[in-house]
Amino acid sequence: MTALGTDRRSGTDRRNRRSEQLSLRSIVERMADGIVIVGLDGVIRFTNPASEHLFGRSGDELRAMEFGSPAVAGESAEIEVVRPSGETVSVELRVVDTDWEGNSARLLSLRDVTDRKRAEENARRLAKEQAARTEAEAASRAKSEFLATMSHELRTPLNAIGGYAELLELGVRGPLNAEQRQQVQRIVTSGRHLLGLVNEVLDLAKVEAGRLTVGHEAHHARSAVDAALMLVQSQIEERGLGLVVRGVSDAEIVYLGDEDRVRQILLNLLSNAI
């Protein structure tokens, strides 16, 4: 009776274990996460449908294959799974010890985190782009402030130079001979031109802000030519060159445009020629 009772209990225990295994298998097969049972030798013993979809392989293909990544119980990690198509999937791996069909094994839980990883990468990229935009905007503001400050600092002495030169030209400090008057006129013209260049520095900021305006008014062509010639006259004399002006002797010849920029164009052409 004792031996028979022991056999009955053993049979009951085996049936209970089989029932538990079947119940566990049924639960695992319905899980959304991939579940892989790996023997202590690293060989795959079981895969559920979710893991088969994750790997892009059938259960028959996966079973008896070795699991490529080391599986240490109690640890979690992120691994990359390469499907037969070449597509890479980011997977969160968790490992626990278990018993499978009477043998010690490891249960691997595999969760597809590809979308989450992409979202994190997009968030990092957007944050980096936002930081770059903020930095660029700060640099632009600093440049605009610098241009405004420097333009003000330059305008003040230039206006003073121009004002004193004009006073000399008017003979406030005594009469000027022809040569002195010509030199003073050059100072006045050069000062005005330099002041115009300072204003053009500000125009750079206006261009970036889309607020630059270009004049479109009638001006005498002779005035623009004379102003440009006066600015380069000293360069011409230094090099022993001669300059002949033709075609703009008529004071009534006019053009439509921006006076400062027309003068700058003429000056650039003359300077290049010299």
Protein backbone atom coordinates (compact mmCIF):
# COMPACT_ATOMS: atom_id res chain seq x y z
CA MET A 1 0.00 0.00 0.00
CA THR A 2 2.83 2.35 0.77
CA ALA A 3 4.51 1.81 -2.63
CA LEU A 4 1.19 2.14 -4.44
CA GLY A 5 0.43 5.38 -2.58
CA THR A 6 3.83 6.74 -3.51
CA ASP A 7 3.28 5.88 -7.18
CA ARG A 8 -0.09 7.58 -7.13
CA ARG A 9 1.37 10.74 -5.59
CA SER A 10 4.20 10.74 -8.14
CA GLY A 11 1.70 10.36 -10.96
CA THR A 12 -0.38 13.19 -9.58
CA ASP A 13 2.70 15.40 -9.26
CA ARG A 14 3.68 14.69 -12.86
CA ARG A 15 0.17 15.50 -14.07
CA ASN A 16 0.20 18.72 -12.05
CA ARG A 17 3.57 19.73 -13.52
CA ARG A 18 2.35 18.96 -17.03
CA SER A 19 -0.80 20.96 -16.36
CA GLU A 20 1.29 23.86 -15.08
CA GLN A 21 3.56 23.66 -18.13
CA LEU A 22 0.58 23.63 -20.48
CA SER A 23 -0.99 26.55 -18.62
CA LEU A 24 2.30 28.47 -18.74
CA ARG A 25 2.73 27.72 -22.44
CA SER A 26 -0.84 28.90 -23.14
CA ILE A 27 -0.22 32.18 -21.29
CA VAL A 28 3.17 32.76 -22.93
CA GLU A 29 1.81 32.15 -26.44
CA ARG A 30 -0.80 34.89 -25.97
CA MET A 31 1.61 37.50 -24.63
CA ALA A 32 2.32 40.65 -26.68
CA ASP A 33 5.99 40.57 -25.68
CA GLY A 34 8.28 38.08 -27.30
CA ILE A 35 9.13 35.16 -25.03
CA VAL A 36 12.06 32.86 -25.72
CA ILE A 37 13.09 29.91 -23.56
CA VAL A 38 16.83 29.27 -23.75
CA GLY A 39 18.57 26.27 -22.22
CA LEU A 40 21.63 26.69 -20.08
CA ASP A 41 23.62 25.66 -23.16
CA GLY A 42 22.35 28.79 -24.97
CA VAL A 43 20.12 26.83 -27.38
CA ILE A 44 16.56 28.08 -27.95
CA ARG A 45 13.94 25.63 -26.73
CA PHE A 46 10.72 27.56 -27.22
CA THR A 47 9.42 30.74 -28.89
CA ASN A 48 6.01 32.35 -28.78
CA PRO A 49 4.34 33.96 -31.84
CA ALA A 50 5.32 37.47 -30.71
CA SER A 51 9.02 36.54 -30.65
CA GLU A 52 8.74 34.87 -34.04
CA HIS A 53 7.28 38.09 -35.46
CA LEU A 54 10.04 40.07 -33.73
CA PHE A 55 12.81 37.98 -35.28
CA GLY A 56 11.03 37.64 -38.62
CA ARG A 57 11.52 33.86 -38.49
CA SER A 58 9.30 30.87 -37.85
CA GLY A 59 9.39 28.91 -34.62
CA ASP A 60 10.91 25.93 -36.45
CA GLU A 61 13.77 28.16 -37.65
CA LEU A 62 14.41 29.60 -34.22
CA ARG A 63 14.24 26.40 -32.19
CA ALA A 64 17.58 24.62 -31.92
CA MET A 65 19.39 27.86 -32.85
CA GLU A 66 21.74 29.45 -30.35
CA PHE A 67 20.63 32.76 -28.88
CA GLY A 68 23.20 35.27 -30.08
CA SER A 69 23.37 37.54 -27.04
CA PRO A 70 24.55 36.43 -23.59
CA ALA A 71 21.57 35.85 -21.31
CA VAL A 72 22.33 36.56 -17.64
CA ALA A 73 19.46 36.08 -15.21
CA GLY A 74 18.32 39.18 -13.36
CA GLU A 75 19.74 41.62 -15.91
CA SER A 76 18.15 43.76 -18.59
CA ALA A 77 19.67 45.30 -21.70
CA GLU A 78 18.88 46.72 -25.11
CA ILE A 79 19.93 44.68 -28.10
CA GLU A 80 19.59 45.02 -31.85
CA VAL A 81 17.79 42.25 -33.74
CA VAL A 82 18.54 41.98 -37.45
CA ARG A 83 15.74 40.37 -39.42
CA PRO A 84 16.39 38.29 -42.56
CA SER A 85 15.25 41.31 -44.64
CA GLY A 86 18.08 43.36 -43.16
CA GLU A 87 15.74 45.48 -41.06
CA THR A 88 17.06 46.28 -37.58
CA VAL A 89 14.77 46.26 -34.56
CA SER A 90 15.64 47.68 -31.13
CA VAL A 91 14.66 45.24 -28.39
CA GLU A 92 14.57 45.52 -24.60
CA LEU A 93 15.77 42.21 -23.14
CA ARG A 94 14.99 40.90 -19.63
CA VAL A 95 16.14 37.53 -18.31
CA VAL A 96 14.88 35.35 -15.44
CA ASP A 97 15.64 31.80 -14.40
CA THR A 98 12.88 29.27 -14.92
CA ASP A 99 12.18 25.57 -15.23
CA TRP A 100 11.12 24.29 -18.65
CA GLU A 101 9.93 20.76 -19.17
CA GLY A 102 11.82 19.58 -16.11
CA ASN A 103 15.10 21.30 -16.99
CA SER A 104 16.68 24.51 -15.76
CA ALA A 105 16.43 27.25 -18.37
CA ARG A 106 16.22 30.99 -18.82
CA LEU A 107 13.15 32.90 -19.87
CA LEU A 108 13.91 35.87 -22.11
CA SER A 109 11.33 38.63 -22.38
CA LEU A 110 11.75 40.68 -25.58
CA ARG A 111 9.95 43.98 -26.08
CA ASP A 112 10.11 45.94 -29.35
CA VAL A 113 11.21 49.48 -28.40
CA THR A 114 12.07 50.67 -31.91
CA ASP A 115 9.32 53.31 -31.96
CA ARG A 116 10.33 54.56 -28.53
CA LYS A 117 13.99 54.76 -29.55
CA ARG A 118 13.07 56.67 -32.69
CA ALA A 119 10.91 59.05 -30.66
CA GLU A 120 13.79 59.62 -28.24
CA GLU A 121 16.21 60.23 -31.12
CA ASN A 122 13.75 62.66 -32.72
CA ALA A 123 13.34 64.45 -29.39
CA ARG A 124 17.13 64.73 -29.02
CA ARG A 125 17.47 65.97 -32.60
CA LEU A 126 14.72 68.55 -32.12
CA ALA A 127 16.29 69.69 -28.85
CA LYS A 128 19.65 70.03 -30.59
CA GLU A 129 18.10 71.99 -33.45
CA GLN A 130 16.25 74.23 -30.99
CA ALA A 131 19.49 74.87 -29.11
CA ALA A 132 21.23 75.70 -32.40
CA ARG A 133 18.41 78.10 -33.37
CA THR A 134 18.56 79.77 -29.96
CA GLU A 135 22.32 80.14 -30.25
CA ALA A 136 22.03 81.55 -33.77
CA GLU A 137 19.36 84.03 -32.68
CA ALA A 138 21.51 85.12 -29.75
CA ALA A 139 24.50 85.57 -32.07
CA SER A 140 22.37 87.57 -34.49
CA ARG A 141 21.14 89.84 -31.68
CA ALA A 142 24.70 90.32 -30.44
CA LYS A 143 25.84 91.20 -33.96
CA SER A 144 23.02 93.68 -34.42
CA GLU A 145 23.83 95.30 -31.09
CA PHE A 146 27.51 95.46 -32.04
CA LEU A 147 26.72 97.04 -35.42
CA ALA A 148 24.43 99.59 -33.84
CA THR A 149 27.00 100.49 -31.18
CA MET A 150 29.92 100.68 -33.60
CA SER A 151 27.92 102.68 -36.13
CA HIS A 152 27.05 105.22 -33.44
CA GLU A 153 30.67 105.37 -32.26
CA LEU A 154 31.90 105.93 -35.81
CA ARG A 155 29.23 108.45 -36.80
CA THR A 156 30.04 110.84 -33.99
CA PRO A 157 33.69 111.56 -34.94
CA LEU A 158 32.92 111.40 -38.67
CA ASN A 159 30.23 114.03 -38.32
CA ALA A 160 32.68 116.18 -36.34
CA ILE A 161 35.37 115.82 -39.03
CA GLY A 162 32.88 116.67 -41.75
CA GLY A 163 31.57 119.64 -39.81
CA TYR A 164 35.01 121.15 -39.18
CA ALA A 165 36.02 120.56 -42.82
CA GLU A 166 32.93 122.36 -44.03
CA LEU A 167 33.72 125.28 -41.71
CA LEU A 168 37.21 125.48 -43.18
CA GLU A 169 35.76 125.34 -46.68
CA LEU A 170 33.50 128.29 -45.82
CA GLY A 171 36.57 130.28 -44.76
CA VAL A 172 35.59 130.56 -41.09
CA ARG A 173 39.27 130.33 -40.09
CA GLY A 174 40.47 132.53 -42.89
CA PRO A 175 40.53 132.47 -46.67
CA LEU A 176 41.84 129.40 -48.49
CA ASN A 177 43.86 129.34 -51.67
CA ALA A 178 42.74 127.14 -54.56
CA GLU A 179 44.88 124.16 -53.56
CA GLN A 180 43.82 124.31 -49.91
CA ARG A 181 40.18 124.54 -50.90
CA GLN A 182 40.56 121.49 -53.13
CA GLN A 183 42.13 119.50 -50.29
CA VAL A 184 39.38 120.52 -47.88
CA GLN A 185 36.75 119.54 -50.44
CA ARG A 186 38.35 116.10 -50.62
CA ILE A 187 38.18 115.81 -46.84
CA VAL A 188 34.50 116.74 -46.89
CA THR A 189 33.70 114.33 -49.73
CA SER A 190 35.72 111.49 -48.19
CA GLY A 191 34.05 112.03 -44.83
CA ARG A 192 30.62 111.88 -46.38
CA HIS A 193 31.54 108.74 -48.26
CA LEU A 194 32.94 107.09 -45.14
CA LEU A 195 29.77 108.01 -43.30
CA GLY A 196 27.84 106.36 -46.11
CA LEU A 197 29.90 103.20 -45.66
CA VAL A 198 29.06 103.17 -41.96
CA ASN A 199 25.40 103.38 -42.90
CA GLU A 200 25.90 100.46 -45.27
CA VAL A 201 27.18 98.38 -42.38
CA LEU A 202 23.79 98.94 -40.82
CA ASP A 203 22.22 97.98 -44.13
CA LEU A 204 23.66 94.47 -43.68
CA ALA A 205 21.47 94.02 -40.64
CA LYS A 206 18.54 95.42 -42.60
CA VAL A 207 19.14 92.94 -45.41
CA GLU A 208 19.01 90.04 -42.96
CA ALA A 209 15.83 91.42 -41.44
CA GLY A 210 14.30 91.99 -44.90
CA ARG A 211 13.92 95.72 -44.28
CA LEU A 212 16.49 97.15 -46.71
CA THR A 213 15.17 99.90 -48.97
CA VAL A 214 16.89 101.27 -52.09
CA GLY A 215 16.24 104.81 -53.23
CA HIS A 216 14.60 105.46 -56.60
CA GLU A 217 14.87 109.18 -57.14
CA ALA A 218 16.21 111.56 -59.80
CA HIS A 219 19.82 112.72 -59.29
CA HIS A 220 22.35 114.54 -61.46
CA ALA A 221 24.79 112.14 -63.07
CA ARG A 222 27.55 114.74 -63.03
CA SER A 223 27.33 115.05 -59.22
CA ALA A 224 27.78 111.28 -58.77
CA VAL A 225 30.76 111.22 -61.14
CA ASP A 226 32.42 114.24 -59.55
CA ALA A 227 32.01 112.79 -56.05
CA ALA A 228 33.55 109.46 -57.09
CA LEU A 229 36.41 111.22 -58.93
CA MET A 230 37.20 113.38 -55.92
CA LEU A 231 37.54 110.29 -53.71
CA VAL A 232 40.07 108.61 -56.02
CA GLN A 233 41.94 111.72 -57.16
CA SER A 234 44.72 111.26 -54.60
CA GLN A 235 45.25 107.63 -55.72
CA ILE A 236 45.47 108.75 -59.35
CA GLU A 237 48.05 111.42 -58.52
CA GLU A 238 50.13 109.04 -56.39
CA ARG A 239 50.48 106.65 -59.31
CA GLY A 240 51.15 109.37 -61.88
CA LEU A 241 48.08 108.41 -63.89
CA GLY A 242 45.77 110.57 -65.96
CA LEU A 243 41.99 110.48 -66.10
CA VAL A 244 39.76 111.84 -68.84
CA VAL A 245 36.02 112.21 -68.23
CA ARG A 246 33.65 112.16 -71.23
CA GLY A 247 29.92 112.02 -71.70
CA VAL A 248 28.63 113.63 -68.49
CA SER A 249 29.51 117.30 -68.97
CA ASP A 250 25.84 118.18 -69.32
CA ALA A 251 24.58 119.09 -65.85
CA GLU A 252 21.02 118.23 -66.91
CA ILE A 253 21.75 114.51 -67.37
CA VAL A 254 19.91 112.67 -64.59
CA TYR A 255 19.38 109.09 -63.48
CA LEU A 256 16.80 107.35 -61.32
CA GLY A 257 18.30 105.42 -58.43
CA ASP A 258 19.99 105.50 -55.04
CA GLU A 259 22.57 108.29 -54.87
CA ASP A 260 24.81 106.66 -52.24
CA ARG A 261 24.89 103.31 -53.98
CA VAL A 262 25.50 104.77 -57.44
CA ARG A 263 28.45 106.71 -56.06
CA GLN A 264 29.76 103.52 -54.39
CA ILE A 265 29.50 101.58 -57.68
CA LEU A 266 31.42 104.27 -59.55
CA LEU A 267 34.04 104.41 -56.80
CA ASN A 268 34.50 100.62 -56.91
CA LEU A 269 34.95 100.68 -60.70
CA LEU A 270 37.47 103.53 -60.54
CA SER A 271 39.41 101.96 -57.67
CA ASN A 272 39.65 98.68 -59.55
CA ALA A 273 40.85 100.49 -62.66
CA ILE A 274 43.51 102.40 -60.71
